[in-house]
Structures are given as structure tokens and as C-alpha cells.
N, C-alpha and C. Protein backbone atom coordinates (compact mmCIF):
# COMPACT_ATOMS: atom_id res chain seq x y z
N MET A 1 7.14 15.29 -14.11
CA MET A 1 6.57 15.08 -12.87
C MET A 1 6.00 13.33 -12.98
N THR A 2 7.02 12.83 -12.49
CA THR A 2 6.03 11.42 -12.45
C THR A 2 5.19 11.21 -11.42
N ARG A 3 3.75 10.18 -12.22
CA ARG A 3 2.78 10.12 -11.68
C ARG A 3 2.82 9.52 -9.69
N THR A 4 4.00 8.69 -9.65
CA THR A 4 3.96 8.56 -8.16
C THR A 4 4.08 9.32 -7.31
N THR A 5 5.96 10.74 -8.08
CA THR A 5 5.89 11.57 -7.52
C THR A 5 4.39 12.93 -7.76
N PHE A 6 3.42 12.73 -8.34
CA PHE A 6 1.62 13.43 -8.18
C PHE A 6 1.52 12.98 -6.57
N TYR A 7 1.15 11.32 -6.93
CA TYR A 7 0.33 10.80 -5.37
C TYR A 7 1.50 11.58 -4.42
N LYS A 8 2.51 11.61 -4.92
CA LYS A 8 3.44 11.59 -2.54
C LYS A 8 2.66 13.15 -2.27
N ALA A 9 2.63 14.10 -3.97
CA ALA A 9 2.09 15.37 -3.33
C ALA A 9 0.59 15.46 -2.77
N GLN A 10 0.45 13.96 -3.37
CA GLN A 10 -1.45 14.06 -3.28
C GLN A 10 -1.67 14.11 -2.19
N TYR A 11 -0.94 13.12 -1.85
CA TYR A 11 -0.54 12.43 -0.31
C TYR A 11 -0.46 13.42 0.65
N PHE A 12 0.64 13.83 0.52
CA PHE A 12 1.38 15.11 1.86
C PHE A 12 -0.09 16.10 1.64
N ALA A 13 -0.32 16.93 0.93
CA ALA A 13 -0.97 17.47 0.52
C ALA A 13 -2.39 17.22 1.37
N THR A 14 -2.73 15.94 1.60
CA THR A 14 -4.34 15.03 2.11
C THR A 14 -4.29 15.40 3.36
N ILE A 15 -2.82 14.65 4.16
CA ILE A 15 -2.67 14.85 5.20
C ILE A 15 -2.37 16.70 5.90
N LEU A 16 -2.25 17.08 5.25
CA LEU A 16 -1.80 19.18 5.85
C LEU A 16 -3.41 19.47 5.11
N GLY A 17 -3.96 18.83 4.58
CA GLY A 17 -5.25 19.85 4.58
C GLY A 17 -6.49 18.82 5.54
N MET A 18 -6.57 17.46 5.98
CA MET A 18 -7.05 16.82 7.26
C MET A 18 -6.75 17.66 8.59
N GLY A 19 -5.25 17.52 8.92
CA GLY A 19 -4.91 18.00 9.84
C GLY A 19 -5.43 19.75 9.87
N SER A 20 -5.41 20.74 8.83
CA SER A 20 -6.25 21.80 9.09
C SER A 20 -7.09 21.92 9.42
N ILE A 21 -8.31 21.06 8.75
CA ILE A 21 -9.40 20.88 9.07
C ILE A 21 -10.17 20.44 10.35
N ALA A 22 -9.14 19.46 10.76
CA ALA A 22 -9.54 19.42 11.99
C ALA A 22 -8.96 20.16 13.13
N LEU A 23 -8.12 20.93 13.37
CA LEU A 23 -7.23 22.33 13.98
C LEU A 23 -8.22 23.35 14.26
N LEU A 24 -8.60 23.53 12.47
CA LEU A 24 -9.93 24.41 12.63
C LEU A 24 -11.52 24.10 13.78
N ILE A 25 -11.90 22.71 13.29
CA ILE A 25 -13.01 22.78 14.10
C ILE A 25 -12.40 22.20 15.20
N LEU A 26 -11.84 21.78 15.97
CA LEU A 26 -11.15 21.75 17.04
C LEU A 26 -11.15 23.08 18.02
N ILE A 27 -9.94 24.33 16.82
CA ILE A 27 -10.32 26.36 17.78
C ILE A 27 -11.88 27.08 17.51
N ARG A 28 -12.61 25.77 16.28
CA ARG A 28 -13.66 27.06 16.03
C ARG A 28 -14.63 26.99 17.24
N TYR A 29 -14.70 25.21 17.55
CA TYR A 29 -15.21 25.36 18.84
C TYR A 29 -14.60 24.75 20.64
N ARG A 30 -13.72 25.67 20.68
CA ARG A 30 -12.99 25.70 21.66
C ARG A 30 -12.60 24.36 21.94
N PHE A 31 -12.26 23.28 21.42
CA PHE A 31 -11.83 21.71 21.99
C PHE A 31 -13.04 21.61 22.82
N SER A 32 -14.11 21.78 22.54
CA SER A 32 -15.52 20.97 23.10
C SER A 32 -14.93 19.82 23.15
N ALA A 33 -16.08 18.89 23.29
CA ALA A 33 -16.44 17.28 23.75
C ALA A 33 -16.82 16.67 21.36
N ILE A 34 -17.52 17.58 21.66
CA ILE A 34 -18.43 17.00 20.66
C ILE A 34 -17.47 17.46 19.51
N SER A 35 -16.90 18.67 19.22
CA SER A 35 -15.61 18.52 18.27
C SER A 35 -14.58 17.76 18.38
N ILE A 36 -13.55 17.16 19.73
CA ILE A 36 -13.59 16.43 19.52
C ILE A 36 -14.11 15.13 19.05
N LEU A 37 -14.48 14.76 19.35
CA LEU A 37 -15.03 13.74 18.92
C LEU A 37 -15.89 13.63 16.66
N LEU A 38 -16.36 14.78 16.31
CA LEU A 38 -16.31 14.62 14.73
C LEU A 38 -15.19 15.03 14.93
N THR A 39 -13.96 15.50 14.88
CA THR A 39 -12.24 15.43 14.91
C THR A 39 -11.78 13.92 14.38
N LEU A 40 -12.12 13.55 15.48
CA LEU A 40 -11.84 12.07 15.00
C LEU A 40 -12.58 11.41 14.89
N PHE A 41 -14.16 11.10 14.75
CA PHE A 41 -15.31 10.60 13.15
C PHE A 41 -14.41 10.64 12.24
N LEU A 42 -14.19 12.17 11.14
CA LEU A 42 -13.63 12.20 10.73
C LEU A 42 -12.44 11.41 10.01
N LEU A 43 -11.30 12.05 11.02
CA LEU A 43 -10.34 10.65 10.76
C LEU A 43 -9.95 10.00 10.74
N MET A 44 -11.17 9.19 11.06
CA MET A 44 -10.78 7.52 11.39
C MET A 44 -11.33 7.06 10.71
N VAL A 45 -13.04 7.45 10.57
CA VAL A 45 -13.96 6.78 9.93
C VAL A 45 -13.46 5.83 8.28
N PRO A 46 -12.49 7.52 7.73
CA PRO A 46 -12.26 6.24 6.13
C PRO A 46 -11.05 5.16 6.24
N GLY A 47 -10.54 5.26 7.59
CA GLY A 47 -9.09 4.71 7.70
C GLY A 47 -9.83 3.29 8.16
N ARG A 48 -10.94 3.30 8.81
CA ARG A 48 -11.96 2.03 10.15
C ARG A 48 -12.03 1.29 8.21
N ILE A 49 -13.07 2.06 7.55
CA ILE A 49 -13.91 1.06 6.58
C ILE A 49 -12.92 0.54 5.30
N LEU A 50 -11.66 1.46 5.00
CA LEU A 50 -10.94 0.75 4.25
C LEU A 50 -10.38 -0.26 4.68
N GLY A 51 -10.29 -0.28 5.80
CA GLY A 51 -9.21 -1.49 6.98
C GLY A 51 -10.06 -2.56 6.84
N PHE A 52 -11.58 -2.28 7.03
CA PHE A 52 -12.47 -3.56 7.42
C PHE A 52 -12.71 -4.62 5.96
N TYR A 53 -12.47 -3.45 4.56
CA TYR A 53 -12.85 -4.38 3.62
C TYR A 53 -11.89 -4.87 2.64
N TRP A 54 -10.18 -4.07 3.39
CA TRP A 54 -9.26 -4.29 2.49
C TRP A 54 -8.75 -5.15 3.90
N ARG A 55 -9.14 -6.28 5.03
CA ARG A 55 -8.57 -6.28 5.87
C ARG A 55 -7.52 -7.12 5.62
N ASN A 56 -7.59 -8.20 4.51
CA ASN A 56 -6.90 -9.16 3.97
C ASN A 56 -5.42 -8.31 3.18
N LEU A 57 -5.42 -7.99 2.13
CA LEU A 57 -4.65 -6.81 1.51
C LEU A 57 -4.00 -6.36 2.63
N LEU A 58 -4.30 -5.55 3.82
CA LEU A 58 -3.48 -5.02 4.81
C LEU A 58 -2.82 -6.35 5.69
N ARG A 59 -3.54 -7.11 6.07
CA ARG A 59 -2.96 -8.49 6.69
C ARG A 59 -1.50 -8.55 6.01
N GLY A 60 -2.28 -8.68 4.51
CA GLY A 60 -0.46 -9.47 4.16
C GLY A 60 1.04 -8.21 3.93
N LEU A 61 0.26 -7.06 3.74
CA LEU A 61 1.40 -6.01 3.87
C LEU A 61 2.18 -6.19 5.11
N ARG A 62 0.94 -6.74 6.31
CA ARG A 62 1.95 -6.59 7.59
C ARG A 62 2.96 -7.48 7.87
N LEU A 63 2.35 -9.13 7.15
CA LEU A 63 2.98 -9.82 7.65
C LEU A 63 4.35 -10.10 6.76
N LEU A 64 4.08 -9.16 5.56
CA LEU A 64 5.17 -9.50 4.65
C LEU A 64 6.42 -8.77 5.13
N ASN A 65 6.50 -7.27 5.97
CA ASN A 65 6.63 -6.55 6.82
C ASN A 65 7.31 -7.07 7.62
N ALA A 66 7.33 -8.22 7.59
CA ALA A 66 7.10 -8.63 9.54
C ALA A 66 8.28 -10.39 9.04
N ARG A 67 8.17 -10.60 7.77
CA ARG A 67 8.67 -11.36 6.83
C ARG A 67 8.27 -12.54 7.12
N GLN A 68 7.23 -12.60 7.69
CA GLN A 68 5.84 -14.05 7.59
C GLN A 68 5.51 -14.04 6.19
N PHE A 69 6.56 -14.74 5.52
CA PHE A 69 6.01 -14.35 4.04
C PHE A 69 4.83 -15.60 3.82
N GLU A 70 4.72 -16.89 4.36
CA GLU A 70 3.64 -18.05 4.03
C GLU A 70 2.51 -17.06 4.31
N GLU A 71 2.37 -16.83 5.20
CA GLU A 71 1.46 -15.75 5.29
C GLU A 71 0.39 -14.65 4.94
N SER A 72 1.77 -14.05 4.92
CA SER A 72 1.61 -12.61 4.03
C SER A 72 1.10 -13.26 2.46
N ARG A 73 1.68 -14.45 1.88
CA ARG A 73 1.08 -15.19 0.60
C ARG A 73 0.25 -15.44 0.99
N ARG A 74 -0.70 -15.55 1.63
CA ARG A 74 -2.54 -16.72 1.44
C ARG A 74 -3.26 -15.34 1.90
N HIS A 75 -2.79 -14.21 2.92
CA HIS A 75 -3.67 -13.41 2.63
C HIS A 75 -3.81 -12.52 1.72
N SER A 76 -2.51 -12.42 0.67
CA SER A 76 -2.70 -11.53 -0.37
C SER A 76 -3.51 -12.47 -1.76
N GLU A 77 -3.13 -13.76 -1.41
CA GLU A 77 -4.80 -14.37 -2.52
C GLU A 77 -5.67 -14.37 -2.05
N LEU A 78 -5.98 -14.04 -0.74
CA LEU A 78 -7.42 -14.21 -0.39
C LEU A 78 -7.84 -13.11 -0.86
N PHE A 79 -7.33 -11.77 -0.77
CA PHE A 79 -7.50 -10.69 -0.97
C PHE A 79 -8.12 -10.50 -2.89
N LEU A 80 -7.15 -10.82 -3.12
CA LEU A 80 -7.11 -11.92 -5.06
C LEU A 80 -8.57 -12.05 -5.56
N GLU A 81 -8.84 -13.26 -4.59
CA GLU A 81 -10.01 -13.68 -4.21
C GLU A 81 -11.41 -12.43 -4.19
N GLU A 82 -11.18 -12.19 -2.34
CA GLU A 82 -12.33 -11.60 -3.08
C GLU A 82 -12.43 -10.09 -4.49
N LEU A 83 -11.36 -9.49 -4.34
CA LEU A 83 -11.79 -9.02 -5.58
C LEU A 83 -12.57 -9.58 -6.75
N ARG A 84 -11.67 -10.94 -7.54
CA ARG A 84 -12.46 -11.01 -8.03
C ARG A 84 -14.40 -11.42 -8.19
N GLN A 85 -14.68 -11.96 -6.96
CA GLN A 85 -15.71 -11.68 -6.38
C GLN A 85 -16.23 -10.62 -6.03
N ARG A 86 -15.93 -9.65 -5.76
CA ARG A 86 -16.52 -8.48 -5.71
C ARG A 86 -15.85 -7.19 -6.23
N PRO A 87 -16.08 -7.32 -7.16
CA PRO A 87 -15.00 -5.79 -8.13
C PRO A 87 -15.52 -4.57 -7.53
N TYR A 88 -16.08 -4.62 -7.26
CA TYR A 88 -16.66 -2.58 -6.00
C TYR A 88 -15.97 -2.86 -5.10
N LEU A 89 -14.81 -3.59 -4.70
CA LEU A 89 -13.86 -3.20 -3.41
C LEU A 89 -13.02 -2.43 -4.19
N LYS A 90 -12.53 -2.18 -5.59
CA LYS A 90 -11.28 -1.76 -5.83
C LYS A 90 -11.83 0.22 -5.30
N HIS A 91 -12.86 0.00 -5.52
CA HIS A 91 -13.53 1.71 -5.50
C HIS A 91 -13.18 1.89 -4.22
N PHE A 92 -12.97 1.50 -2.88
CA PHE A 92 -12.65 1.75 -1.52
C PHE A 92 -10.68 2.27 -1.57
N VAL A 93 -10.13 2.60 -3.02
CA VAL A 93 -9.04 2.78 -2.66
C VAL A 93 -9.23 4.52 -2.58
N TRP A 94 -10.39 5.26 -2.93
CA TRP A 94 -10.30 6.71 -2.52
C TRP A 94 -10.84 7.21 -1.14
N LEU A 95 -10.50 6.43 0.00
CA LEU A 95 -10.81 6.30 1.10
C LEU A 95 -9.48 6.82 1.76
N GLY A 96 -8.23 5.88 0.99
CA GLY A 96 -7.34 5.71 1.49
C GLY A 96 -6.37 6.79 0.55
N SER A 97 -5.13 6.35 0.16
CA SER A 97 -4.56 7.60 -0.71
C SER A 97 -3.14 7.02 -0.81
N SER A 98 -3.03 5.63 -1.82
CA SER A 98 -2.24 5.29 -2.29
C SER A 98 -1.36 5.61 -2.71
N THR A 99 0.20 6.32 -2.93
CA THR A 99 1.04 6.37 -4.19
C THR A 99 1.85 5.59 -4.77
N TYR A 100 1.58 4.64 -4.35
CA TYR A 100 2.43 3.89 -5.67
C TYR A 100 0.74 3.49 -7.50
N SER A 101 -0.20 3.27 -6.66
CA SER A 101 -1.10 2.34 -7.61
C SER A 101 -2.37 2.83 -7.22
N ARG A 102 -3.55 3.28 -7.68
CA ARG A 102 -4.98 3.12 -7.45
C ARG A 102 -5.83 2.18 -7.62
N ASN A 103 -4.81 1.00 -8.14
CA ASN A 103 -5.74 -0.11 -7.92
C ASN A 103 -4.74 -1.16 -7.29
N PRO A 104 -5.88 -2.02 -6.74
CA PRO A 104 -5.54 -2.43 -5.07
C PRO A 104 -5.22 -4.18 -5.68
N LYS A 105 -5.76 -4.30 -7.00
CA LYS A 105 -5.36 -5.52 -7.79
C LYS A 105 -3.29 -5.73 -7.58
N VAL A 106 -3.12 -4.57 -7.97
CA VAL A 106 -1.48 -4.45 -8.57
C VAL A 106 -0.73 -4.44 -7.46
N LEU A 107 -1.58 -3.67 -6.03
CA LEU A 107 -0.64 -4.22 -4.97
C LEU A 107 -0.81 -5.22 -4.64
N ALA A 108 -2.01 -5.84 -4.61
CA ALA A 108 -1.88 -7.07 -4.23
C ALA A 108 -1.35 -7.59 -4.68
N LEU A 109 -1.07 -7.93 -5.81
CA LEU A 109 0.02 -8.21 -6.76
C LEU A 109 1.55 -8.52 -6.98
N ASN A 110 1.99 -7.24 -6.58
CA ASN A 110 3.24 -6.94 -6.14
C ASN A 110 3.69 -7.17 -4.72
N ASN A 111 2.59 -7.63 -3.74
CA ASN A 111 3.21 -7.93 -1.93
C ASN A 111 2.73 -9.47 -2.01
N LEU A 112 2.50 -10.51 -2.94
CA LEU A 112 2.18 -11.65 -3.32
C LEU A 112 3.66 -12.04 -3.81
N GLY A 113 4.09 -10.87 -5.38
CA GLY A 113 5.15 -11.14 -5.15
C GLY A 113 6.46 -10.79 -4.41
N ALA A 114 6.65 -10.61 -3.95
CA ALA A 114 7.55 -9.81 -2.68
C ALA A 114 7.64 -11.18 -1.98
N ALA A 115 6.34 -11.83 -1.55
CA ALA A 115 6.05 -12.96 -0.37
C ALA A 115 6.67 -13.92 -0.83
N GLU A 116 6.17 -14.32 -1.86
CA GLU A 116 6.45 -15.29 -2.90
C GLU A 116 8.11 -15.06 -3.42
N SER A 117 8.89 -14.48 -3.36
CA SER A 117 10.40 -14.21 -3.95
C SER A 117 11.10 -14.42 -2.12
N GLY A 118 10.51 -14.04 -0.79
CA GLY A 118 11.14 -13.83 -0.07
C GLY A 118 11.35 -15.40 0.70
N LEU A 119 9.39 -16.42 -0.12
CA LEU A 119 9.78 -17.75 0.19
C LEU A 119 10.81 -18.69 -0.42
N GLY A 120 11.27 -18.08 -1.73
CA GLY A 120 12.55 -18.25 -2.48
C GLY A 120 11.86 -19.18 -4.14
N ARG A 121 10.36 -18.91 -3.99
CA ARG A 121 9.61 -19.24 -5.03
C ARG A 121 9.49 -18.09 -6.34
N PHE A 122 10.59 -17.90 -7.14
CA PHE A 122 11.30 -17.06 -7.88
C PHE A 122 10.32 -17.16 -9.08
N ASP A 123 9.75 -18.27 -9.54
CA ASP A 123 9.16 -18.14 -10.57
C ASP A 123 8.12 -17.08 -10.81
N ALA A 124 7.12 -18.21 -9.15
CA ALA A 124 6.01 -17.35 -9.47
C ALA A 124 6.29 -16.27 -8.98
N ALA A 125 6.86 -15.42 -7.99
CA ALA A 125 7.42 -14.28 -7.87
C ALA A 125 7.27 -13.17 -9.00
N LYS A 126 7.94 -14.15 -10.05
CA LYS A 126 8.09 -13.31 -11.30
C LYS A 126 6.97 -13.07 -11.95
N SER A 127 6.12 -14.38 -11.99
CA SER A 127 4.94 -14.06 -12.63
C SER A 127 3.86 -13.01 -12.28
N HIS A 128 3.61 -13.22 -10.55
CA HIS A 128 2.97 -12.70 -10.36
C HIS A 128 3.64 -10.66 -10.45
N LEU A 129 4.81 -9.79 -10.77
CA LEU A 129 5.66 -8.80 -10.93
C LEU A 129 5.25 -8.55 -12.14
N GLU A 130 4.98 -9.51 -12.76
CA GLU A 130 4.90 -8.98 -14.33
C GLU A 130 3.22 -8.86 -14.33
N MET A 131 2.86 -9.89 -13.85
CA MET A 131 1.08 -9.13 -14.06
C MET A 131 0.57 -8.00 -13.16
N ALA A 132 1.37 -7.89 -11.94
CA ALA A 132 1.28 -6.43 -11.94
C ALA A 132 1.56 -5.17 -12.71
N ILE A 133 2.72 -5.84 -13.74
CA ILE A 133 3.18 -4.60 -14.12
C ILE A 133 2.04 -4.40 -15.67
N ASP A 134 1.73 -5.41 -15.86
CA ASP A 134 1.25 -5.21 -17.04
C ASP A 134 -0.33 -4.44 -16.94
N ILE A 135 -0.93 -5.26 -15.95
CA ILE A 135 -2.01 -4.25 -15.36
C ILE A 135 -1.63 -2.72 -14.88
N ASP A 136 -0.67 -1.96 -14.24
CA ASP A 136 -0.11 -0.81 -14.17
C ASP A 136 1.74 -0.58 -14.54
N PRO A 137 1.79 -0.42 -15.62
CA PRO A 137 2.64 -0.27 -16.23
C PRO A 137 3.45 1.20 -15.39
N LYS A 138 3.32 2.14 -15.01
CA LYS A 138 3.61 2.87 -14.44
C LYS A 138 3.63 3.14 -12.78
N CYS A 139 3.08 1.70 -11.69
CA CYS A 139 3.16 1.69 -10.68
C CYS A 139 5.54 1.11 -11.04
N PRO A 140 6.04 1.13 -9.32
CA PRO A 140 7.31 1.06 -9.44
C PRO A 140 7.25 0.31 -8.94
N LEU A 141 6.68 -0.42 -8.07
CA LEU A 141 7.19 -1.01 -6.45
C LEU A 141 7.14 -2.93 -7.69
N PRO A 142 6.58 -3.24 -8.37
CA PRO A 142 6.98 -4.62 -8.87
C PRO A 142 8.07 -4.48 -9.35
N PHE A 143 8.79 -3.57 -10.56
CA PHE A 143 9.54 -3.50 -11.13
C PHE A 143 11.70 -3.28 -9.63
N PHE A 144 10.45 -2.73 -9.16
CA PHE A 144 11.32 -2.38 -7.64
C PHE A 144 12.27 -4.29 -7.33
N ASN A 145 10.76 -4.88 -7.31
CA ASN A 145 10.99 -6.51 -6.82
C ASN A 145 11.29 -6.83 -7.76
N MET A 146 11.35 -6.57 -8.77
CA MET A 146 11.98 -7.71 -10.10
C MET A 146 13.03 -7.30 -9.93
N GLY A 147 13.74 -5.93 -9.43
CA GLY A 147 15.01 -5.86 -9.64
C GLY A 147 15.84 -7.20 -8.50
N ILE A 148 15.13 -6.91 -7.11
CA ILE A 148 15.99 -7.90 -6.07
C ILE A 148 15.67 -9.30 -6.38
N ILE A 149 14.89 -9.40 -7.04
CA ILE A 149 14.68 -10.90 -7.39
C ILE A 149 16.06 -11.64 -8.44
N HIS A 150 16.04 -10.11 -9.84
CA HIS A 150 17.54 -11.00 -10.37
C HIS A 150 17.99 -10.25 -9.52
N ALA A 151 18.61 -9.43 -8.34
CA ALA A 151 20.00 -9.19 -7.52
C ALA A 151 19.85 -10.50 -7.11
N LYS A 152 19.55 -10.67 -6.42
CA LYS A 152 19.59 -12.40 -5.99
C LYS A 152 20.05 -13.53 -6.95
N ALA A 153 19.54 -13.26 -7.53
CA ALA A 153 19.78 -14.17 -9.00
C ALA A 153 21.31 -14.12 -9.95
N GLY A 154 21.95 -12.97 -9.08
CA GLY A 154 23.39 -12.29 -9.49
C GLY A 154 23.36 -12.08 -11.04
N GLU A 155 21.67 -11.97 -11.89
CA GLU A 155 21.47 -11.27 -13.41
C GLU A 155 21.53 -9.73 -12.73
N LEU A 156 23.17 -9.03 -12.29
CA LEU A 156 23.25 -7.47 -12.16
C LEU A 156 22.92 -6.69 -13.36
N GLU A 157 22.84 -7.35 -14.92
CA GLU A 157 22.45 -6.38 -15.46
C GLU A 157 21.26 -6.32 -15.42
N GLU A 158 20.21 -7.06 -15.32
CA GLU A 158 18.41 -6.78 -15.42
C GLU A 158 18.68 -6.60 -14.03
N ALA A 159 18.83 -6.73 -12.93
CA ALA A 159 18.73 -5.92 -11.56
C ALA A 159 18.56 -4.66 -11.97
N THR A 160 20.05 -3.85 -12.32
CA THR A 160 19.88 -2.89 -12.26
C THR A 160 19.01 -1.99 -13.22
N ARG A 161 18.92 -2.55 -14.71
CA ARG A 161 17.85 -2.21 -14.66
C ARG A 161 16.19 -1.94 -14.70
N HIS A 162 16.01 -3.54 -13.82
CA HIS A 162 14.44 -2.60 -13.05
C HIS A 162 14.67 -1.85 -12.16
N PHE A 163 15.48 -1.50 -11.24
CA PHE A 163 15.88 -0.47 -10.32
C PHE A 163 16.15 0.44 -10.35
N GLU A 164 16.75 1.16 -11.73
CA GLU A 164 16.43 2.07 -12.91
C GLU A 164 15.21 2.59 -13.19
N GLU A 165 14.48 1.24 -14.02
CA GLU A 165 12.82 1.71 -14.38
C GLU A 165 11.87 2.01 -12.59
N ALA A 166 12.56 1.22 -11.71
CA ALA A 166 11.47 1.84 -10.32
C ALA A 166 11.71 3.48 -10.22
N ALA A 167 13.29 3.69 -10.28
CA ALA A 167 13.32 5.06 -10.00
C ALA A 167 12.61 6.37 -10.81
N ARG A 168 12.89 5.64 -12.11
CA ARG A 168 12.30 6.63 -13.04
C ARG A 168 10.89 7.02 -12.36
N LEU A 169 10.23 5.47 -12.76
CA LEU A 169 8.37 5.13 -12.16
C LEU A 169 8.69 6.67 -10.91
N GLY A 170 9.41 7.08 -10.19
CA GLY A 170 9.45 7.23 -8.96
C GLY A 170 9.95 7.12 -7.65
N TYR A 171 10.44 6.12 -8.03
CA TYR A 171 10.83 5.06 -6.35
C TYR A 171 12.12 5.13 -6.51
N THR A 172 12.22 6.10 -5.10
CA THR A 172 13.76 6.69 -5.24
C THR A 172 14.49 5.59 -4.06
N ASN A 173 13.56 5.45 -3.03
CA ASN A 173 13.77 5.25 -1.54
C ASN A 173 14.33 6.58 -0.48
N SER A 174 13.23 7.50 -1.25
CA SER A 174 14.19 8.97 -0.42
C SER A 174 13.44 9.21 0.83
N LEU A 175 13.63 10.22 1.33
CA LEU A 175 12.55 10.92 2.60
C LEU A 175 11.28 10.16 2.32
N SER A 176 10.72 10.62 0.88
CA SER A 176 9.49 10.49 1.44
C SER A 176 8.92 8.79 0.88
N ASP A 177 9.55 8.15 0.03
CA ASP A 177 9.28 7.09 0.56
C ASP A 177 9.34 6.24 1.52
N LYS A 178 10.48 6.46 1.95
CA LYS A 178 10.15 6.15 3.69
C LYS A 178 9.17 6.99 4.87
N ILE A 179 8.59 7.77 4.67
CA ILE A 179 7.84 8.10 4.98
C ILE A 179 6.44 7.39 4.75
N VAL A 180 6.28 7.73 3.04
CA VAL A 180 4.84 6.89 2.91
C VAL A 180 5.06 5.57 3.33
N ARG A 181 5.86 5.10 3.32
CA ARG A 181 6.43 3.21 3.92
C ARG A 181 5.68 3.14 5.25
N GLY A 182 6.68 4.48 6.03
CA GLY A 182 6.00 3.78 7.36
C GLY A 182 4.83 4.17 7.76
N SER A 183 3.96 4.81 6.95
CA SER A 183 2.79 5.59 7.24
C SER A 183 1.88 4.44 6.68
N GLN A 184 2.40 3.86 6.07
CA GLN A 184 0.85 1.98 5.23
C GLN A 184 1.58 1.17 6.21
N ASN A 185 2.49 1.19 6.53
CA ASN A 185 3.05 0.50 7.60
C ASN A 185 2.15 0.11 8.42
N ARG A 186 2.09 1.58 9.44
CA ARG A 186 1.40 2.11 10.65
C ARG A 186 0.15 1.35 10.73
N PHE A 187 -0.42 1.82 9.35
CA PHE A 187 -2.08 1.31 8.96
C PHE A 187 -2.45 0.52 8.41
N ALA A 188 -1.11 -0.98 8.10
CA ALA A 188 -1.60 -2.09 7.67
C ALA A 188 -1.25 -2.65 9.60
N ARG A 189 -0.77 -2.43 10.20
CA ARG A 189 -0.60 -3.05 11.90
C ARG A 189 -1.71 -2.73 12.54
N THR A 190 -2.31 -1.40 12.81
CA THR A 190 -3.82 -1.19 13.13
C THR A 190 -4.95 -1.89 12.64
N SER A 191 -5.14 -1.79 11.29
CA SER A 191 -5.64 -2.59 10.29
C SER A 191 -6.25 -4.22 10.00
N GLY A 192 -4.53 -4.34 10.10
CA GLY A 192 -4.92 -5.70 9.56
C GLY A 192 -4.82 -6.04 10.88
N THR A 193 -3.96 -5.36 12.45
CA THR A 193 -4.75 -6.93 13.16
C THR A 193 -5.77 -6.58 13.92
N GLY A 194 -6.86 -5.76 13.59
CA GLY A 194 -8.12 -5.49 14.19
C GLY A 194 -8.95 -5.52 13.32
N ALA A 195 -8.99 -6.34 12.38
CA ALA A 195 -10.08 -6.11 11.24
C ALA A 195 -10.63 -7.34 11.36
N SER A 196 -10.23 -8.80 12.34
CA SER A 196 -11.03 -10.37 12.88
C SER A 196 -12.37 -9.52 12.91
N GLY A 197 -12.34 -8.67 13.40
CA GLY A 197 -13.39 -8.42 14.13
C GLY A 197 -14.07 -7.17 15.27
N SER A 198 -12.89 -6.75 15.28
CA SER A 198 -12.63 -6.33 16.26
C SER A 198 -13.03 -4.26 15.92
N ILE A 199 -12.89 -4.10 14.16
CA ILE A 199 -13.27 -2.67 14.23
C ILE A 199 -14.67 -2.79 14.30
């Protein structure tokens, strides 16, 4: 079992567990107003805290998905600077459930590399993706994005090698990857857009 597969299992177990606890609270207190408020509090507060402190990472992801690469790059760089100035921010990872890496610097470097690739800045993209790989060689995302860069350059052997490594590490673009990506994208949209002061 790869680490990514373990993280995915943990992710789905957390969702199932939180959903079960929420349902038990609602049933136990017969869907009273206080039980509904308590349930909403338990389900939403951790994500709101994460969304506030990681707003630039989440905005960068949202903008990357919207193919607004220049703005995505800027927010990823802002988040990396925030991490450098306030290293304690990395511990907020436990309020979420990342399925590819528990290191927010790796996630930001990956997003930065993907944005730079979208801008055609392949040397900068490779540099940031290689940094991500050096920090967390078990994270499949930078390998996948390196594969895309090599494929765009027509370097099919290198592209295949990186895609195979991403798959070996657990990124297979399977249904579970699509569900996780969809969930992360929804979270980035809601937290990333509201983080300018409305959280």
C-alpha cells in the first residue's frame, strides 16, 4: 500500500466518521436547533480556520484550476513566503486531510510549478517541482506535473518515467483521485474566495 493510498483511505474514513458523528448528534437531540448548530460548528470550524491561515495556498489552487496561471503563481509564492516567516502554519495541515502530502510547502511548490508550466516557464516549473520532490519524494503530484512538462517538450521517455512514478506513488487519476480533487477544488473555491476578510 502506498502512502497516498493510506492517506486516501484516511480521508474517506474521516469523512465517514464525521458524517456518522454528525448524524448521531442530530438523532440523539432530535434535530433540535442546538444540535444543528453544534453539528455545523464541528463540521465547518476546522475548515474555516485552515481556509483563513492557508488562504493564499487555497486561492492559488482555485486560480490554477481556473487556468489563471499568473495569479495562481503569485498566491503560491505569497504562501511560501508566509510559511518562511511563520513556520507554525505548516501544523494547520491537521485541520484538513491532504491525501498527497502532509507538507504544505510541497503542495505550494507543486502548485507553483504547475502554474509556471501553464505560463510556459518550464525551467522555473521544473526547478520548483524538483524542490517539491526533494522535500517529499513520496508525493506523486510533482512527478505527474513533471511528466506533463516533458510530454509538452516531446520528451516522451522522460514523461512516461514521471507518469509511472506518480502512479507507483498512488496517483492513478482513478475515481478516488477525482473525488479527492473535486472535494479539494470545492474547498479551495469556498475558502479561497472568502478569505479576503469574510471568514
